[in-house]
Amino acid sequence: MIQKKVIDAIYKKCGKRPASPDELDIPLLFEKLPEETMIEVDGNDIVIGSIDPSSPFYRIPVNHIHAILEFEEAIAIVLHSSILFLSKENGSLHVHLRELKQSFMEKLRNALPG
């Protein structure tokens, strides 16, 4: 799978959404992923039909996507705080959730004894 260094670089490189959803490589989802993934565009959303409809990643608003990237074994959908890796082989989904950084006050509170 994708290493932490690469994931960190993706978040850094894709920190902002594109000016227009037209700049996203949406056709990549249809060209490189197997039919089992059941990707479809529904209005302004991308729906991943192969996952449970109760999942927060089942329906993704296109205007929330920062980038769609191709890797050797997966297609990545980059969001603000997560990256969805969809396998090119079988369409399985792996999610990387970005670790939330502590605020200065939280760091201070954690540094003080009990």
C-alpha atoms as a PDB file:
ATOM      1  CA  MET A   1       0.000   0.000   0.000  1.00  0.00           C
ATOM      2  CA  ILE A   2       0.971   3.656  -0.098  1.00  0.00           C
ATOM      3  CA  GLN A   3       3.610   4.727   2.457  1.00  0.00           C
ATOM      4  CA  LYS A   4       3.177   7.491   5.045  1.00  0.00           C
ATOM      5  CA  LYS A   5       5.686   9.770   3.263  1.00  0.00           C
ATOM      6  CA  VAL A   6       3.613   9.584   0.094  1.00  0.00           C
ATOM      7  CA  ILE A   7       0.371  10.214   1.994  1.00  0.00           C
ATOM      8  CA  ASP A   8       1.882  13.273   3.699  1.00  0.00           C
ATOM      9  CA  ALA A   9       3.061  14.555   0.302  1.00  0.00           C
ATOM     10  CA  ILE A  10      -0.449  14.066  -1.141  1.00  0.00           C
ATOM     11  CA  TYR A  11      -2.023  16.151   1.652  1.00  0.00           C
ATOM     12  CA  LYS A  12       0.602  18.855   1.161  1.00  0.00           C
ATOM     13  CA  LYS A  13       0.330  18.920  -2.643  1.00  0.00           C
ATOM     14  CA  CYS A  14      -3.465  18.723  -2.689  1.00  0.00           C
ATOM     15  CA  GLY A  15      -4.184  21.079   0.213  1.00  0.00           C
ATOM     16  CA  LYS A  16      -6.729  23.105  -1.728  1.00  0.00           C
ATOM     17  CA  ARG A  17      -9.648  22.189  -3.918  1.00  0.00           C
ATOM     18  CA  PRO A  18      -9.354  23.066  -7.597  1.00  0.00           C
ATOM     19  CA  ALA A  19     -10.994  26.266  -8.830  1.00  0.00           C
ATOM     20  CA  SER A  20     -13.483  24.157 -10.759  1.00  0.00           C
ATOM     21  CA  PRO A  21     -14.566  20.505 -10.524  1.00  0.00           C
ATOM     22  CA  ASP A  22     -13.775  20.323 -14.251  1.00  0.00           C
ATOM     23  CA  GLU A  23     -10.090  20.256 -13.256  1.00  0.00           C
ATOM     24  CA  LEU A  24     -10.559  16.890 -11.500  1.00  0.00           C
ATOM     25  CA  ASP A  25      -9.671  13.736 -13.413  1.00  0.00           C
ATOM     26  CA  ILE A  26     -13.104  12.147 -12.872  1.00  0.00           C
ATOM     27  CA  PRO A  27     -12.855   9.944 -16.018  1.00  0.00           C
ATOM     28  CA  LEU A  28      -9.973   8.139 -14.292  1.00  0.00           C
ATOM     29  CA  LEU A  29     -12.516   6.595 -11.900  1.00  0.00           C
ATOM     30  CA  PHE A  30     -14.388   4.995 -14.772  1.00  0.00           C
ATOM     31  CA  GLU A  31     -11.357   4.060 -16.879  1.00  0.00           C
ATOM     32  CA  LYS A  32      -9.158   2.432 -14.220  1.00  0.00           C
ATOM     33  CA  LEU A  33     -11.494   0.941 -11.614  1.00  0.00           C
ATOM     34  CA  PRO A  34     -13.281  -2.410 -12.023  1.00  0.00           C
ATOM     35  CA  GLU A  35     -17.048  -2.547 -12.498  1.00  0.00           C
ATOM     36  CA  GLU A  36     -17.403  -4.042  -8.978  1.00  0.00           C
ATOM     37  CA  THR A  37     -16.662  -0.592  -7.571  1.00  0.00           C
ATOM     38  CA  MET A  38     -19.989   0.621  -9.035  1.00  0.00           C
ATOM     39  CA  ILE A  39     -18.852   4.261  -9.381  1.00  0.00           C
ATOM     40  CA  GLU A  40     -21.447   6.673 -10.714  1.00  0.00           C
ATOM     41  CA  VAL A  41     -21.999  10.396 -10.895  1.00  0.00           C
ATOM     42  CA  ASP A  42     -25.315  11.454  -9.376  1.00  0.00           C
ATOM     43  CA  GLY A  43     -25.852  15.166  -9.885  1.00  0.00           C
ATOM     44  CA  ASN A  44     -22.956  16.876  -8.101  1.00  0.00           C
ATOM     45  CA  ASP A  45     -21.940  13.754  -6.167  1.00  0.00           C
ATOM     46  CA  ILE A  46     -19.775  10.739  -6.841  1.00  0.00           C
ATOM     47  CA  VAL A  47     -21.377   7.576  -5.493  1.00  0.00           C
ATOM     48  CA  ILE A  48     -19.317   4.492  -4.668  1.00  0.00           C
ATOM     49  CA  GLY A  49     -22.001   1.831  -4.934  1.00  0.00           C
ATOM     50  CA  SER A  50     -19.809  -1.001  -3.673  1.00  0.00           C
ATOM     51  CA  ILE A  51     -19.754   0.330  -0.111  1.00  0.00           C
ATOM     52  CA  ASP A  52     -22.522   0.502   2.460  1.00  0.00           C
ATOM     53  CA  PRO A  53     -24.912   3.435   1.881  1.00  0.00           C
ATOM     54  CA  SER A  54     -24.605   4.366   5.569  1.00  0.00           C
ATOM     55  CA  SER A  55     -20.860   5.011   5.127  1.00  0.00           C
ATOM     56  CA  PRO A  56     -19.805   8.676   5.039  1.00  0.00           C
ATOM     57  CA  PHE A  57     -17.801   7.794   1.905  1.00  0.00           C
ATOM     58  CA  TYR A  58     -20.718   6.328  -0.046  1.00  0.00           C
ATOM     59  CA  ARG A  59     -21.686   9.714  -1.543  1.00  0.00           C
ATOM     60  CA  ILE A  60     -18.987  12.356  -1.998  1.00  0.00           C
ATOM     61  CA  PRO A  61     -19.843  15.877  -3.184  1.00  0.00           C
ATOM     62  CA  VAL A  62     -17.576  16.667  -6.145  1.00  0.00           C
ATOM     63  CA  ASN A  63     -16.906  20.151  -4.753  1.00  0.00           C
ATOM     64  CA  HIS A  64     -15.317  18.508  -1.651  1.00  0.00           C
ATOM     65  CA  ILE A  65     -12.730  16.614  -3.693  1.00  0.00           C
ATOM     66  CA  HIS A  66      -9.235  18.105  -3.796  1.00  0.00           C
ATOM     67  CA  ALA A  67      -7.794  15.690  -6.369  1.00  0.00           C
ATOM     68  CA  ILE A  68      -8.157  12.315  -8.054  1.00  0.00           C
ATOM     69  CA  LEU A  69      -4.774  10.627  -8.467  1.00  0.00           C
ATOM     70  CA  GLU A  70      -3.589   7.416 -10.058  1.00  0.00           C
ATOM     71  CA  PHE A  71      -1.109   5.070  -8.407  1.00  0.00           C
ATOM     72  CA  GLU A  72       0.196   1.725  -9.560  1.00  0.00           C
ATOM     73  CA  GLU A  73      -2.380  -0.309  -7.644  1.00  0.00           C
ATOM     74  CA  ALA A  74      -5.044   2.237  -6.714  1.00  0.00           C
ATOM     75  CA  ILE A  75      -6.936   5.397  -7.549  1.00  0.00           C
ATOM     76  CA  ALA A  76      -6.947   7.988  -4.761  1.00  0.00           C
ATOM     77  CA  ILE A  77      -9.746  10.434  -4.075  1.00  0.00           C
ATOM     78  CA  VAL A  78      -8.225  13.194  -1.954  1.00  0.00           C
ATOM     79  CA  LEU A  79     -10.468  15.085   0.474  1.00  0.00           C
ATOM     80  CA  HIS A  80      -9.549  17.665   3.125  1.00  0.00           C
ATOM     81  CA  SER A  81      -9.101  15.212   5.995  1.00  0.00           C
ATOM     82  CA  SER A  82      -9.014  11.828   4.290  1.00  0.00           C
ATOM     83  CA  ILE A  83      -7.849   9.941   1.243  1.00  0.00           C
ATOM     84  CA  LEU A  84      -9.885   7.125  -0.271  1.00  0.00           C
ATOM     85  CA  PHE A  85      -7.785   4.483  -2.013  1.00  0.00           C
ATOM     86  CA  LEU A  86      -9.814   2.361  -4.421  1.00  0.00           C
ATOM     87  CA  SER A  87      -8.063  -0.789  -5.630  1.00  0.00           C
ATOM     88  CA  LYS A  88      -7.652  -1.108  -9.392  1.00  0.00           C
ATOM     89  CA  GLU A  89      -7.701  -4.875  -8.994  1.00  0.00           C
ATOM     90  CA  ASN A  90     -10.931  -5.503  -7.090  1.00  0.00           C
ATOM     91  CA  GLY A  91     -12.386  -2.071  -6.226  1.00  0.00           C
ATOM     92  CA  SER A  92     -11.866  -2.500  -2.478  1.00  0.00           C
ATOM     93  CA  LEU A  93     -11.714   0.680  -0.426  1.00  0.00           C
ATOM     94  CA  HIS A  94      -8.984   1.711   2.022  1.00  0.00           C
ATOM     95  CA  VAL A  95      -9.358   5.015   3.838  1.00  0.00           C
ATOM     96  CA  HIS A  96      -6.596   7.117   5.348  1.00  0.00           C
ATOM     97  CA  LEU A  97      -7.889   9.582   7.944  1.00  0.00           C
ATOM     98  CA  ARG A  98      -5.700  12.595   8.541  1.00  0.00           C
ATOM     99  CA  GLU A  99      -4.555  12.956  12.118  1.00  0.00           C
ATOM    100  CA  LEU A 100      -5.960  16.092  13.725  1.00  0.00           C
ATOM    101  CA  LYS A 101      -3.289  18.439  15.014  1.00  0.00           C
ATOM    102  CA  GLN A 102      -3.600  19.658  18.567  1.00  0.00           C
ATOM    103  CA  SER A 103      -4.121  23.346  19.152  1.00  0.00           C
ATOM    104  CA  PHE A 104      -1.630  25.264  21.264  1.00  0.00           C
ATOM    105  CA  MET A 105      -4.050  25.231  24.217  1.00  0.00           C
ATOM    106  CA  GLU A 106      -4.540  21.447  23.952  1.00  0.00           C
ATOM    107  CA  LYS A 107      -0.778  20.911  23.900  1.00  0.00           C
ATOM    108  CA  LEU A 108      -0.423  23.156  26.949  1.00  0.00           C
ATOM    109  CA  ARG A 109      -3.186  21.314  28.847  1.00  0.00           C
ATOM    110  CA  ASN A 110      -1.595  17.940  28.031  1.00  0.00           C
ATOM    111  CA  ALA A 111       1.813  19.133  29.218  1.00  0.00           C
ATOM    112  CA  LEU A 112       0.557  20.224  32.654  1.00  0.00           C
ATOM    113  CA  PRO A 113       0.358  17.539  35.357  1.00  0.00           C
ATOM    114  CA  GLY A 114      -3.076  16.187  36.366  1.00  0.00           C
END
